[in-house]
C-alpha atoms as a PDB file:
ATOM      1  CA  MET A   1      29.484  24.187   8.826  1.00  0.00           C
ATOM      2  CA  CYS A   2      29.583  20.850   9.611  1.00  0.00           C
ATOM      3  CA  PRO A   3      27.939  19.140   6.037  1.00  0.00           C
ATOM      4  CA  LEU A   4      25.397  17.573   8.211  1.00  0.00           C
ATOM      5  CA  THR A   5      23.916  20.196  10.474  1.00  0.00           C
ATOM      6  CA  PHE A   6      23.889  21.693   6.226  1.00  0.00           C
ATOM      7  CA  PHE A   7      21.605  19.019   4.993  1.00  0.00           C
ATOM      8  CA  LEU A   8      19.034  19.032   8.725  1.00  0.00           C
ATOM      9  CA  ARG A   9      18.223  22.790   8.093  1.00  0.00           C
ATOM     10  CA  CYS A  10      17.384  21.921   4.181  1.00  0.00           C
ATOM     11  CA  LEU A  11      15.479  18.818   5.952  1.00  0.00           C
ATOM     12  CA  VAL A  12      14.217  21.176   8.120  1.00  0.00           C
ATOM     13  CA  ARG A  13      13.050  23.770   5.713  1.00  0.00           C
ATOM     14  CA  GLN A  14      11.785  21.228   2.875  1.00  0.00           C
ATOM     15  CA  LYS A  15       9.099  20.024   6.077  1.00  0.00           C
ATOM     16  CA  GLU A  16       8.103  23.919   6.553  1.00  0.00           C
ATOM     17  CA  ARG A  17       7.450  24.219   3.471  1.00  0.00           C
ATOM     18  CA  LEU A  18       5.942  21.172   2.739  1.00  0.00           C
ATOM     19  CA  GLU A  19       4.145  22.066   6.072  1.00  0.00           C
ATOM     20  CA  ALA A  20       2.553  25.326   4.341  1.00  0.00           C
ATOM     21  CA  THR A  21       1.430  23.636   0.996  1.00  0.00           C
ATOM     22  CA  MET A  22      -0.093  21.272   3.173  1.00  0.00           C
ATOM     23  CA  GLN A  23      -2.410  24.100   4.413  1.00  0.00           C
ATOM     24  CA  ALA A  24      -2.952  25.578   1.332  1.00  0.00           C
ATOM     25  CA  ALA A  25      -4.303  22.317   0.242  1.00  0.00           C
ATOM     26  CA  GLN A  26      -6.793  21.838   2.972  1.00  0.00           C
ATOM     27  CA  VAL A  27      -7.914  25.245   3.028  1.00  0.00           C
ATOM     28  CA  ARG A  28      -8.899  25.015  -1.323  1.00  0.00           C
ATOM     29  CA  MET A  29     -10.273  21.733   0.232  1.00  0.00           C
ATOM     30  CA  GLU A  30     -12.035  23.188   2.642  1.00  0.00           C
ATOM     31  CA  ASN A  31     -14.112  25.513  -0.334  1.00  0.00           C
ATOM     32  CA  LEU A  32     -15.203  22.414  -1.845  1.00  0.00           C
ATOM     33  CA  SER A  33     -18.802  20.862  -2.372  1.00  0.00           C
ATOM     34  CA  PRO A  34     -19.231  17.384  -1.182  1.00  0.00           C
ATOM     35  CA  LEU A  35     -19.577  16.008  -4.704  1.00  0.00           C
ATOM     36  CA  ALA A  36     -16.002  18.351  -6.104  1.00  0.00           C
ATOM     37  CA  ALA A  37     -13.962  17.087  -3.022  1.00  0.00           C
ATOM     38  CA  ARG A  38     -15.165  13.466  -2.693  1.00  0.00           C
ATOM     39  CA  LEU A  39     -14.486  13.378  -6.457  1.00  0.00           C
ATOM     40  CA  VAL A  40     -10.738  15.236  -5.551  1.00  0.00           C
ATOM     41  CA  GLY A  41     -10.250  12.619  -2.822  1.00  0.00           C
ATOM     42  CA  LEU A  42     -10.757   9.616  -5.774  1.00  0.00           C
ATOM     43  CA  LEU A  43      -8.447  11.034  -8.097  1.00  0.00           C
ATOM     44  CA  GLU A  44      -6.421  11.162  -5.938  1.00  0.00           C
ATOM     45  CA  GLU A  45      -6.714   7.435  -4.505  1.00  0.00           C
ATOM     46  CA  ARG A  46      -6.333   6.582  -8.473  1.00  0.00           C
ATOM     47  CA  GLY A  47      -4.337   8.863  -9.690  1.00  0.00           C
ATOM     48  CA  ARG A  48      -6.559   8.893 -12.864  1.00  0.00           C
ATOM     49  CA  LEU A  49     -10.714   9.488 -13.557  1.00  0.00           C
ATOM     50  CA  SER A  50     -13.145   8.699 -15.878  1.00  0.00           C
ATOM     51  CA  VAL A  51     -16.042   9.904 -15.931  1.00  0.00           C
ATOM     52  CA  ALA A  52     -17.976   5.934 -15.759  1.00  0.00           C
ATOM     53  CA  GLU A  53     -15.448   5.290 -13.302  1.00  0.00           C
ATOM     54  CA  ALA A  54     -16.619   7.990 -10.841  1.00  0.00           C
ATOM     55  CA  VAL A  55     -20.536   6.352 -11.689  1.00  0.00           C
ATOM     56  CA  ALA A  56     -19.386   3.596 -10.923  1.00  0.00           C
ATOM     57  CA  ALA A  57     -18.136   4.400  -7.342  1.00  0.00           C
ATOM     58  CA  LEU A  58     -19.918   7.546  -6.765  1.00  0.00           C
ATOM     59  CA  SER A  59     -23.690   5.301  -7.444  1.00  0.00           C
ATOM     60  CA  ALA A  60     -23.424   3.226  -3.968  1.00  0.00           C
ATOM     61  CA  GLU A  61     -22.681   6.134  -1.977  1.00  0.00           C
ATOM     62  CA  GLY A  62     -26.419   7.822  -3.161  1.00  0.00           C
ATOM     63  CA  GLY A  63     -27.678   8.044  -6.745  1.00  0.00           C
ATOM     64  CA  VAL A  64     -25.212  10.821  -8.100  1.00  0.00           C
ATOM     65  CA  SER A  65     -26.328  11.713 -12.063  1.00  0.00           C
ATOM     66  CA  ARG A  66     -24.070  11.603 -14.599  1.00  0.00           C
ATOM     67  CA  ASN A  67     -24.421  14.938 -16.211  1.00  0.00           C
ATOM     68  CA  THR A  68     -23.887  16.051 -12.253  1.00  0.00           C
ATOM     69  CA  LEU A  69     -20.866  14.571 -12.268  1.00  0.00           C
ATOM     70  CA  LYS A  70     -19.974  16.076 -16.124  1.00  0.00           C
ATOM     71  CA  ALA A  71     -19.973  19.343 -14.290  1.00  0.00           C
ATOM     72  CA  THR A  72     -18.814  19.065 -11.413  1.00  0.00           C
ATOM     73  CA  LEU A  73     -15.416  17.632 -13.277  1.00  0.00           C
ATOM     74  CA  GLN A  74     -15.377  20.108 -15.483  1.00  0.00           C
ATOM     75  CA  SER A  75     -15.862  23.292 -12.916  1.00  0.00           C
ATOM     76  CA  LEU A  76     -12.958  21.462 -11.311  1.00  0.00           C
ATOM     77  CA  THR A  77     -11.563  21.586 -14.787  1.00  0.00           C
ATOM     78  CA  LYS A  78     -12.052  24.954 -14.285  1.00  0.00           C
ATOM     79  CA  ARG A  79     -11.140  25.608 -11.460  1.00  0.00           C
ATOM     80  CA  GLY A  80      -7.302  24.457 -11.522  1.00  0.00           C
ATOM     81  CA  TRP A  81      -7.842  21.029  -9.979  1.00  0.00           C
ATOM     82  CA  LEU A  82      -7.838  18.911 -12.630  1.00  0.00           C
ATOM     83  CA  VAL A  83      -6.821  18.528 -15.657  1.00  0.00           C
ATOM     84  CA  LEU A  84      -8.465  16.227 -18.587  1.00  0.00           C
ATOM     85  CA  GLN A  85      -6.584  14.422 -20.857  1.00  0.00           C
ATOM     86  CA  GLY A  86      -8.178  12.682 -24.604  1.00  0.00           C
ATOM     87  CA  ARG A  87     -12.090  13.156 -25.858  1.00  0.00           C
ATOM     88  CA  GLY A  88     -14.964  10.886 -25.407  1.00  0.00           C
ATOM     89  CA  ARG A  89     -14.685   7.628 -24.438  1.00  0.00           C
ATOM     90  CA  GLY A  90     -11.434   7.106 -23.353  1.00  0.00           C
ATOM     91  CA  ALA A  91     -11.518  10.857 -21.748  1.00  0.00           C
ATOM     92  CA  PHE A  92      -9.783  10.855 -18.463  1.00  0.00           C
ATOM     93  CA  TYR A  93      -8.789  13.349 -15.488  1.00  0.00           C
ATOM     94  CA  THR A  94      -5.956  13.322 -13.891  1.00  0.00           C
ATOM     95  CA  ARG A  95      -4.862  16.175 -11.363  1.00  0.00           C
ATOM     96  CA  LEU A  96      -2.591  18.961 -11.541  1.00  0.00           C
END
């Protein structure tokens, strides 16, 4: 087999794996509440997200309480969507 053919077949397989992963992620996103999906989207945009940053970002979209945001972030952490880094005021969330 030609090295170029081998390389192209590997690229096709990798593309198929990526498409399957993206479809699985889309299905998982559909199971989230609108607030949880928005928080995950913010986190993907920024790379990391603290509760204070979430409050500031979502306050313009309609007053979501700090306690509701904290509960949603904790729920996403328990479900395996996010990872809590640190404690107290310096704590932030990242993607798994």
